[in-house]
Amino acid sequence: MKTRFVKSILLVLLFLTTACQLKAEKKAERLAREQMTRVMGTEAVDRSVVELRPSKVGWMVIFRDANASCEEGFSIRGACRFGNQVFRDVYACVERDWNIRQMGNSGASDSLGQEDLCQLPTPELPTVAPNPSLSYGESLRVVRLISANFPAPK
């Protein structure tokens, strides 16, 4: 009796978890579509095949075969500085807090590969105000403690 009850509870939790995951993915896709409509235009979004992948920051939303052009209003910073260009694939990184801070594109004939192009934000290192009352040895311990807990970005 208890086993059947536990199994049914676990089954309900599994369904709820799956349903929430699908909703989160749909929200990530919707946010990326809205942002990319402003960045590359409605036509480019409509003609692209949208691919959504899990990423280390949340989701990587790829707009395959968008063929976004500078002529149509494509506007990722610096992409059109060398005249009219066409970008086959365009992507947006939707972070877990529902922000899009990273976007990018492929070349005209290149397609984006399978790698996750979304980068984790670099952590801010805490600053330590000088404390003249610390001895040299105590200061070294503080520096080692900070270095151990906040490794330098690679």
N, C-alpha and C. Protein backbone atom coordinates (compact mmCIF):
# COMPACT_ATOMS: atom_id res chain seq x y z
N MET A 1 0.83 -1.19 0.00
CA MET A 1 0.00 0.00 0.00
C MET A 1 0.87 1.26 0.00
N LYS A 2 1.86 1.30 0.91
CA LYS A 2 2.75 2.46 0.97
C LYS A 2 3.55 2.60 -0.31
N THR A 3 4.01 1.48 -0.85
CA THR A 3 4.81 1.51 -2.07
C THR A 3 4.01 2.10 -3.23
N ARG A 4 2.77 1.69 -3.35
CA ARG A 4 1.92 2.19 -4.42
C ARG A 4 1.69 3.70 -4.25
N PHE A 5 1.51 4.15 -3.03
CA PHE A 5 1.29 5.57 -2.75
C PHE A 5 2.54 6.38 -3.10
N VAL A 6 3.69 5.88 -2.70
CA VAL A 6 4.95 6.57 -2.98
C VAL A 6 5.19 6.63 -4.49
N LYS A 7 4.93 5.51 -5.19
CA LYS A 7 5.10 5.50 -6.64
C LYS A 7 4.18 6.51 -7.32
N SER A 8 2.95 6.60 -6.85
CA SER A 8 2.02 7.55 -7.48
C SER A 8 2.46 8.99 -7.22
N ILE A 9 2.96 9.28 -6.01
CA ILE A 9 3.46 10.62 -5.71
C ILE A 9 4.66 10.95 -6.60
N LEU A 10 5.58 10.00 -6.74
CA LEU A 10 6.75 10.21 -7.59
C LEU A 10 6.35 10.42 -9.05
N LEU A 11 5.35 9.70 -9.50
CA LEU A 11 4.87 9.86 -10.87
C LEU A 11 4.28 11.25 -11.09
N VAL A 12 3.52 11.74 -10.12
CA VAL A 12 2.95 13.08 -10.21
C VAL A 12 4.07 14.13 -10.23
N LEU A 13 5.06 13.97 -9.39
CA LEU A 13 6.20 14.90 -9.36
C LEU A 13 6.96 14.89 -10.69
N LEU A 14 7.11 13.71 -11.28
CA LEU A 14 7.78 13.61 -12.57
C LEU A 14 7.00 14.37 -13.64
N PHE A 15 5.69 14.20 -13.67
CA PHE A 15 4.86 14.93 -14.65
C PHE A 15 4.94 16.43 -14.45
N LEU A 16 4.91 16.87 -13.20
CA LEU A 16 4.99 18.30 -12.92
C LEU A 16 6.34 18.87 -13.33
N THR A 17 7.40 18.15 -13.05
CA THR A 17 8.74 18.61 -13.42
C THR A 17 8.87 18.71 -14.93
N THR A 18 8.37 17.71 -15.64
CA THR A 18 8.43 17.73 -17.11
C THR A 18 7.62 18.88 -17.67
N ALA A 19 6.44 19.11 -17.13
CA ALA A 19 5.59 20.21 -17.60
C ALA A 19 6.25 21.55 -17.36
N CYS A 20 6.88 21.74 -16.21
CA CYS A 20 7.55 23.01 -15.92
C CYS A 20 8.73 23.22 -16.85
N GLN A 21 9.47 22.16 -17.17
CA GLN A 21 10.62 22.28 -18.06
C GLN A 21 10.16 22.72 -19.44
N LEU A 22 9.09 22.15 -19.94
CA LEU A 22 8.59 22.54 -21.26
C LEU A 22 8.16 24.00 -21.26
N LYS A 23 7.54 24.43 -20.19
CA LYS A 23 7.11 25.83 -20.12
C LYS A 23 8.32 26.76 -20.12
N ALA A 24 9.37 26.39 -19.41
CA ALA A 24 10.58 27.22 -19.36
C ALA A 24 11.22 27.30 -20.75
N GLU A 25 11.27 26.18 -21.46
CA GLU A 25 11.85 26.20 -22.81
C GLU A 25 11.02 27.06 -23.75
N LYS A 26 9.71 26.96 -23.65
CA LYS A 26 8.83 27.78 -24.50
C LYS A 26 9.02 29.27 -24.19
N LYS A 27 9.17 29.58 -22.91
CA LYS A 27 9.39 30.98 -22.52
C LYS A 27 10.72 31.49 -23.07
N ALA A 28 11.76 30.66 -22.99
CA ALA A 28 13.07 31.05 -23.53
C ALA A 28 12.98 31.29 -25.03
N GLU A 29 12.27 30.42 -25.74
CA GLU A 29 12.12 30.60 -27.18
C GLU A 29 11.33 31.87 -27.49
N ARG A 30 10.27 32.12 -26.74
CA ARG A 30 9.44 33.31 -26.97
C ARG A 30 10.27 34.59 -26.75
N LEU A 31 11.04 34.62 -25.64
CA LEU A 31 11.88 35.79 -25.37
C LEU A 31 12.91 36.02 -26.47
N ALA A 32 13.52 34.93 -26.93
CA ALA A 32 14.53 35.06 -27.99
C ALA A 32 13.88 35.54 -29.29
N ARG A 33 12.69 35.03 -29.60
CA ARG A 33 11.99 35.48 -30.82
C ARG A 33 11.69 36.98 -30.75
N GLU A 34 11.22 37.43 -29.58
CA GLU A 34 10.91 38.86 -29.42
C GLU A 34 12.16 39.71 -29.60
N GLN A 35 13.25 39.31 -28.97
CA GLN A 35 14.50 40.07 -29.06
C GLN A 35 15.05 40.06 -30.48
N MET A 36 15.03 38.89 -31.11
CA MET A 36 15.62 38.78 -32.44
C MET A 36 14.75 39.46 -33.50
N THR A 37 13.47 39.62 -33.25
CA THR A 37 12.62 40.38 -34.17
C THR A 37 13.11 41.82 -34.21
N ARG A 38 13.51 42.35 -33.05
CA ARG A 38 14.06 43.71 -33.02
C ARG A 38 15.45 43.78 -33.62
N VAL A 39 16.23 42.71 -33.46
CA VAL A 39 17.63 42.71 -33.91
C VAL A 39 17.77 42.44 -35.40
N MET A 40 17.00 41.48 -35.93
CA MET A 40 17.20 41.12 -37.34
C MET A 40 15.96 41.23 -38.20
N GLY A 41 14.84 41.63 -37.63
CA GLY A 41 13.64 41.83 -38.41
C GLY A 41 12.70 40.63 -38.41
N THR A 42 11.44 40.91 -38.63
CA THR A 42 10.41 39.87 -38.61
C THR A 42 10.61 38.84 -39.71
N GLU A 43 11.01 39.31 -40.90
CA GLU A 43 11.18 38.39 -42.03
C GLU A 43 12.24 37.33 -41.74
N ALA A 44 13.36 37.76 -41.20
CA ALA A 44 14.45 36.82 -40.90
C ALA A 44 14.03 35.82 -39.82
N VAL A 45 13.29 36.28 -38.81
CA VAL A 45 12.82 35.37 -37.76
C VAL A 45 11.83 34.38 -38.34
N ASP A 46 10.92 34.86 -39.16
CA ASP A 46 9.88 33.99 -39.73
C ASP A 46 10.44 32.92 -40.66
N ARG A 47 11.49 33.24 -41.40
CA ARG A 47 12.03 32.26 -42.35
C ARG A 47 13.02 31.30 -41.71
N SER A 48 13.41 31.55 -40.47
CA SER A 48 14.41 30.69 -39.83
C SER A 48 13.76 29.50 -39.14
N VAL A 49 14.56 28.47 -38.96
CA VAL A 49 14.16 27.29 -38.19
C VAL A 49 14.76 27.46 -36.81
N VAL A 50 13.90 27.52 -35.79
CA VAL A 50 14.37 27.80 -34.43
C VAL A 50 14.76 26.50 -33.75
N GLU A 51 15.96 26.50 -33.21
CA GLU A 51 16.49 25.34 -32.48
C GLU A 51 16.84 25.79 -31.07
N LEU A 52 16.38 25.07 -30.08
CA LEU A 52 16.61 25.44 -28.69
C LEU A 52 17.45 24.35 -28.03
N ARG A 53 18.55 24.75 -27.41
CA ARG A 53 19.43 23.79 -26.73
C ARG A 53 19.71 24.24 -25.32
N PRO A 54 19.85 23.30 -24.40
CA PRO A 54 20.29 23.67 -23.05
C PRO A 54 21.72 24.22 -23.13
N SER A 55 22.00 25.18 -22.28
CA SER A 55 23.31 25.83 -22.27
C SER A 55 23.78 25.97 -20.82
N LYS A 56 25.06 26.26 -20.65
CA LYS A 56 25.56 26.45 -19.29
C LYS A 56 24.99 27.70 -18.64
N VAL A 57 24.44 28.63 -19.43
CA VAL A 57 23.83 29.84 -18.86
C VAL A 57 22.30 29.73 -18.80
N GLY A 58 21.74 28.78 -19.48
CA GLY A 58 20.27 28.62 -19.55
C GLY A 58 19.91 27.90 -20.84
N TRP A 59 19.66 28.68 -21.91
CA TRP A 59 19.32 28.11 -23.21
C TRP A 59 20.02 28.89 -24.30
N MET A 60 20.43 28.16 -25.32
CA MET A 60 20.97 28.77 -26.54
C MET A 60 19.90 28.58 -27.60
N VAL A 61 19.37 29.69 -28.10
CA VAL A 61 18.31 29.65 -29.10
C VAL A 61 18.94 30.04 -30.44
N ILE A 62 18.93 29.10 -31.38
CA ILE A 62 19.56 29.32 -32.68
C ILE A 62 18.48 29.52 -33.73
N PHE A 63 18.67 30.53 -34.54
CA PHE A 63 17.79 30.81 -35.66
C PHE A 63 18.54 30.37 -36.92
N ARG A 64 18.30 29.10 -37.32
CA ARG A 64 19.00 28.51 -38.45
C ARG A 64 18.43 29.04 -39.77
N ASP A 65 19.32 29.24 -40.72
CA ASP A 65 18.95 29.71 -42.06
C ASP A 65 18.15 31.01 -42.02
N ALA A 66 18.48 31.88 -41.07
CA ALA A 66 17.80 33.18 -40.98
C ALA A 66 18.21 34.07 -42.14
N ASN A 67 19.45 33.92 -42.59
CA ASN A 67 19.99 34.76 -43.65
C ASN A 67 19.69 36.24 -43.39
N ALA A 68 20.00 36.65 -42.17
CA ALA A 68 19.78 38.04 -41.76
C ALA A 68 20.79 38.92 -42.47
N SER A 69 20.32 40.02 -43.00
CA SER A 69 21.22 40.91 -43.73
C SER A 69 21.20 42.30 -43.13
N CYS A 70 22.28 42.99 -43.33
CA CYS A 70 22.39 44.37 -42.86
C CYS A 70 21.38 45.25 -43.59
N GLU A 71 21.07 44.91 -44.83
CA GLU A 71 20.09 45.65 -45.62
C GLU A 71 18.70 45.60 -44.98
N GLU A 72 18.36 44.44 -44.38
CA GLU A 72 17.05 44.27 -43.75
C GLU A 72 17.02 44.85 -42.35
N GLY A 73 18.14 45.35 -41.87
CA GLY A 73 18.16 45.98 -40.55
C GLY A 73 18.83 45.17 -39.47
N PHE A 74 19.57 44.13 -39.83
CA PHE A 74 20.30 43.33 -38.85
C PHE A 74 21.22 44.23 -38.05
N SER A 75 21.17 44.13 -36.72
CA SER A 75 21.90 45.11 -35.91
C SER A 75 22.55 44.53 -34.66
N ILE A 76 23.39 43.53 -34.82
CA ILE A 76 24.23 43.11 -33.70
C ILE A 76 25.48 43.98 -33.77
N ARG A 77 25.89 44.50 -32.65
CA ARG A 77 26.99 45.47 -32.59
C ARG A 77 28.20 45.03 -33.40
N GLY A 78 28.59 45.87 -34.34
CA GLY A 78 29.79 45.64 -35.11
C GLY A 78 29.64 44.70 -36.29
N ALA A 79 28.52 44.02 -36.44
CA ALA A 79 28.38 43.01 -37.50
C ALA A 79 28.35 43.63 -38.88
N CYS A 80 27.80 44.82 -39.02
CA CYS A 80 27.63 45.43 -40.34
C CYS A 80 28.63 46.55 -40.62
N ARG A 81 29.71 46.59 -39.89
CA ARG A 81 30.65 47.70 -40.06
C ARG A 81 31.42 47.63 -41.38
N PHE A 82 31.42 46.49 -42.04
CA PHE A 82 32.13 46.35 -43.31
C PHE A 82 31.17 46.30 -44.49
N GLY A 83 30.04 46.94 -44.38
CA GLY A 83 29.07 46.98 -45.47
C GLY A 83 28.01 45.91 -45.33
N ASN A 84 27.23 45.75 -46.39
CA ASN A 84 26.12 44.80 -46.36
C ASN A 84 26.66 43.37 -46.30
N GLN A 85 26.22 42.66 -45.31
CA GLN A 85 26.61 41.26 -45.15
C GLN A 85 25.36 40.44 -44.85
N VAL A 86 25.46 39.13 -45.07
CA VAL A 86 24.37 38.21 -44.78
C VAL A 86 24.91 37.19 -43.77
N PHE A 87 24.10 36.91 -42.76
CA PHE A 87 24.50 35.97 -41.71
C PHE A 87 23.52 34.80 -41.72
N ARG A 88 24.05 33.63 -42.01
CA ARG A 88 23.19 32.45 -42.17
C ARG A 88 22.46 32.10 -40.88
N ASP A 89 23.19 31.90 -39.80
CA ASP A 89 22.60 31.53 -38.51
C ASP A 89 22.87 32.63 -37.49
N VAL A 90 21.90 32.84 -36.63
CA VAL A 90 22.03 33.83 -35.56
C VAL A 90 21.58 33.15 -34.27
N TYR A 91 22.21 33.49 -33.15
CA TYR A 91 21.81 32.87 -31.88
C TYR A 91 21.68 33.90 -30.78
N ALA A 92 20.90 33.53 -29.78
CA ALA A 92 20.74 34.34 -28.57
C ALA A 92 20.87 33.41 -27.37
N CYS A 93 21.50 33.90 -26.32
CA CYS A 93 21.66 33.13 -25.08
C CYS A 93 20.66 33.66 -24.06
N VAL A 94 19.67 32.84 -23.74
CA VAL A 94 18.67 33.22 -22.75
C VAL A 94 19.14 32.66 -21.42
N GLU A 95 19.42 33.56 -20.49
CA GLU A 95 19.94 33.14 -19.20
C GLU A 95 18.81 32.71 -18.28
N ARG A 96 19.16 32.02 -17.22
CA ARG A 96 18.15 31.48 -16.29
C ARG A 96 17.31 32.56 -15.63
N ASP A 97 17.83 33.79 -15.58
CA ASP A 97 17.06 34.88 -15.00
C ASP A 97 16.27 35.64 -16.08
N TRP A 98 16.14 35.00 -17.26
CA TRP A 98 15.33 35.50 -18.38
C TRP A 98 15.91 36.76 -19.03
N ASN A 99 17.20 36.97 -18.95
CA ASN A 99 17.87 38.06 -19.64
C ASN A 99 18.60 37.52 -20.85
N ILE A 100 18.74 38.34 -21.87
CA ILE A 100 19.55 38.00 -23.04
C ILE A 100 20.68 39.01 -23.09
N ARG A 101 21.88 38.56 -22.73
CA ARG A 101 23.04 39.44 -22.72
C ARG A 101 24.02 39.10 -23.83
N GLN A 102 23.84 37.93 -24.45
CA GLN A 102 24.78 37.49 -25.48
C GLN A 102 24.03 37.10 -26.75
N MET A 103 24.52 37.58 -27.87
CA MET A 103 23.99 37.20 -29.17
C MET A 103 25.17 37.08 -30.12
N GLY A 104 24.98 36.33 -31.17
CA GLY A 104 26.06 36.18 -32.14
C GLY A 104 25.54 35.64 -33.45
N ASN A 105 26.45 35.41 -34.39
CA ASN A 105 26.04 34.98 -35.71
C ASN A 105 27.16 34.19 -36.38
N SER A 106 26.79 33.49 -37.44
CA SER A 106 27.76 32.81 -38.28
C SER A 106 27.99 33.66 -39.52
N GLY A 107 28.85 33.20 -40.39
CA GLY A 107 29.06 33.90 -41.65
C GLY A 107 27.96 33.56 -42.65
N ALA A 108 28.10 34.08 -43.86
CA ALA A 108 27.08 33.87 -44.88
C ALA A 108 26.98 32.40 -45.29
N SER A 109 28.11 31.73 -45.43
CA SER A 109 28.06 30.34 -45.88
C SER A 109 28.29 29.35 -44.74
N ASP A 110 28.64 29.84 -43.58
CA ASP A 110 28.92 28.97 -42.44
C ASP A 110 27.65 28.72 -41.64
N SER A 111 27.58 27.54 -41.09
CA SER A 111 26.49 27.21 -40.17
C SER A 111 27.08 27.06 -38.78
N LEU A 112 26.32 27.41 -37.76
CA LEU A 112 26.80 27.22 -36.39
C LEU A 112 26.90 25.73 -36.10
N GLY A 113 27.92 25.35 -35.39
CA GLY A 113 28.12 23.95 -35.05
C GLY A 113 27.27 23.53 -33.85
N GLN A 114 27.71 22.51 -33.18
CA GLN A 114 26.98 21.97 -32.05
C GLN A 114 27.48 22.50 -30.70
N GLU A 115 28.56 23.29 -30.70
CA GLU A 115 29.12 23.76 -29.44
C GLU A 115 28.25 24.83 -28.80
N ASP A 116 28.34 24.91 -27.49
CA ASP A 116 27.61 25.92 -26.72
C ASP A 116 28.43 27.20 -26.77
N LEU A 117 27.91 28.22 -27.43
CA LEU A 117 28.63 29.49 -27.59
C LEU A 117 28.31 30.48 -26.48
N CYS A 118 27.40 30.14 -25.60
CA CYS A 118 27.03 31.03 -24.50
C CYS A 118 28.08 30.94 -23.40
N GLN A 119 28.54 32.09 -22.94
CA GLN A 119 29.59 32.14 -21.93
C GLN A 119 29.01 32.51 -20.57
N LEU A 120 29.53 31.89 -19.54
CA LEU A 120 29.15 32.26 -18.18
C LEU A 120 29.71 33.63 -17.87
N PRO A 121 28.95 34.47 -17.19
CA PRO A 121 29.50 35.77 -16.82
C PRO A 121 30.67 35.59 -15.86
N THR A 122 31.69 36.42 -16.00
CA THR A 122 32.83 36.32 -15.10
C THR A 122 32.45 36.87 -13.73
N PRO A 123 32.79 36.14 -12.68
CA PRO A 123 32.42 36.61 -11.34
C PRO A 123 33.24 37.83 -10.96
N GLU A 124 32.62 38.71 -10.24
CA GLU A 124 33.33 39.88 -9.75
C GLU A 124 34.11 39.50 -8.51
N LEU A 125 35.37 39.83 -8.51
CA LEU A 125 36.20 39.54 -7.35
C LEU A 125 35.96 40.60 -6.27
N PRO A 126 35.87 40.15 -5.04
CA PRO A 126 35.68 41.13 -3.99
C PRO A 126 36.93 41.98 -3.80
N THR A 127 36.74 43.20 -3.45
CA THR A 127 37.88 44.06 -3.16
C THR A 127 38.07 44.12 -1.66
N VAL A 128 39.30 44.13 -1.27
CA VAL A 128 39.64 44.17 0.15
C VAL A 128 40.34 45.49 0.43
N ALA A 129 39.77 46.23 1.34
CA ALA A 129 40.39 47.50 1.73
C ALA A 129 41.63 47.20 2.57
N PRO A 130 42.67 47.96 2.39
CA PRO A 130 43.88 47.72 3.17
C PRO A 130 43.59 47.90 4.67
N ASN A 131 44.15 47.01 5.43
CA ASN A 131 43.96 47.07 6.87
C ASN A 131 45.35 47.14 7.51
N PRO A 132 45.76 48.31 7.92
CA PRO A 132 47.13 48.45 8.45
C PRO A 132 47.35 47.68 9.75
N SER A 133 46.28 47.24 10.40
CA SER A 133 46.47 46.54 11.67
C SER A 133 46.81 45.06 11.45
N LEU A 134 46.69 44.54 10.20
CA LEU A 134 47.04 43.15 9.94
C LEU A 134 48.55 43.01 9.79
N SER A 135 49.06 41.91 10.31
CA SER A 135 50.48 41.63 10.11
C SER A 135 50.69 41.11 8.70
N TYR A 136 51.93 40.98 8.30
CA TYR A 136 52.25 40.49 6.96
C TYR A 136 51.69 39.08 6.77
N GLY A 137 51.86 38.21 7.77
CA GLY A 137 51.36 36.83 7.68
C GLY A 137 49.84 36.78 7.59
N GLU A 138 49.16 37.62 8.37
CA GLU A 138 47.70 37.66 8.30
C GLU A 138 47.24 38.16 6.93
N SER A 139 47.92 39.13 6.38
CA SER A 139 47.57 39.64 5.05
C SER A 139 47.72 38.54 4.00
N LEU A 140 48.78 37.75 4.09
CA LEU A 140 48.97 36.65 3.15
C LEU A 140 47.85 35.63 3.26
N ARG A 141 47.40 35.33 4.49
CA ARG A 141 46.30 34.38 4.68
C ARG A 141 45.02 34.90 4.02
N VAL A 142 44.76 36.19 4.15
CA VAL A 142 43.56 36.78 3.54
C VAL A 142 43.64 36.67 2.02
N VAL A 143 44.80 36.98 1.46
CA VAL A 143 44.97 36.90 0.01
C VAL A 143 44.80 35.46 -0.46
N ARG A 144 45.38 34.50 0.25
CA ARG A 144 45.24 33.08 -0.13
C ARG A 144 43.79 32.63 -0.02
N LEU A 145 43.09 33.06 0.99
CA LEU A 145 41.68 32.71 1.17
C LEU A 145 40.84 33.23 0.02
N ILE A 146 41.08 34.48 -0.37
CA ILE A 146 40.34 35.07 -1.49
C ILE A 146 40.68 34.34 -2.79
N SER A 147 41.96 34.05 -3.00
CA SER A 147 42.39 33.37 -4.23
C SER A 147 41.81 31.97 -4.32
N ALA A 148 41.71 31.28 -3.20
CA ALA A 148 41.17 29.92 -3.21
C ALA A 148 39.68 29.91 -3.51
N ASN A 149 38.95 30.90 -3.03
CA ASN A 149 37.51 30.92 -3.22
C ASN A 149 37.07 31.60 -4.52
N PHE A 150 37.92 32.42 -5.09
CA PHE A 150 37.60 33.13 -6.32
C PHE A 150 38.75 32.97 -7.30
N PRO A 151 38.81 31.83 -8.03
CA PRO A 151 39.94 31.64 -8.95
C PRO A 151 39.89 32.68 -10.08
N ALA A 152 41.06 32.98 -10.59
CA ALA A 152 41.16 33.96 -11.69
C ALA A 152 40.49 33.39 -12.93
N PRO A 153 39.77 34.22 -13.70
CA PRO A 153 39.15 33.72 -14.93
C PRO A 153 40.21 33.29 -15.94
N LYS A 154 39.85 32.29 -16.73
CA LYS A 154 40.82 31.74 -17.72
C LYS A 154 40.65 32.42 -19.04
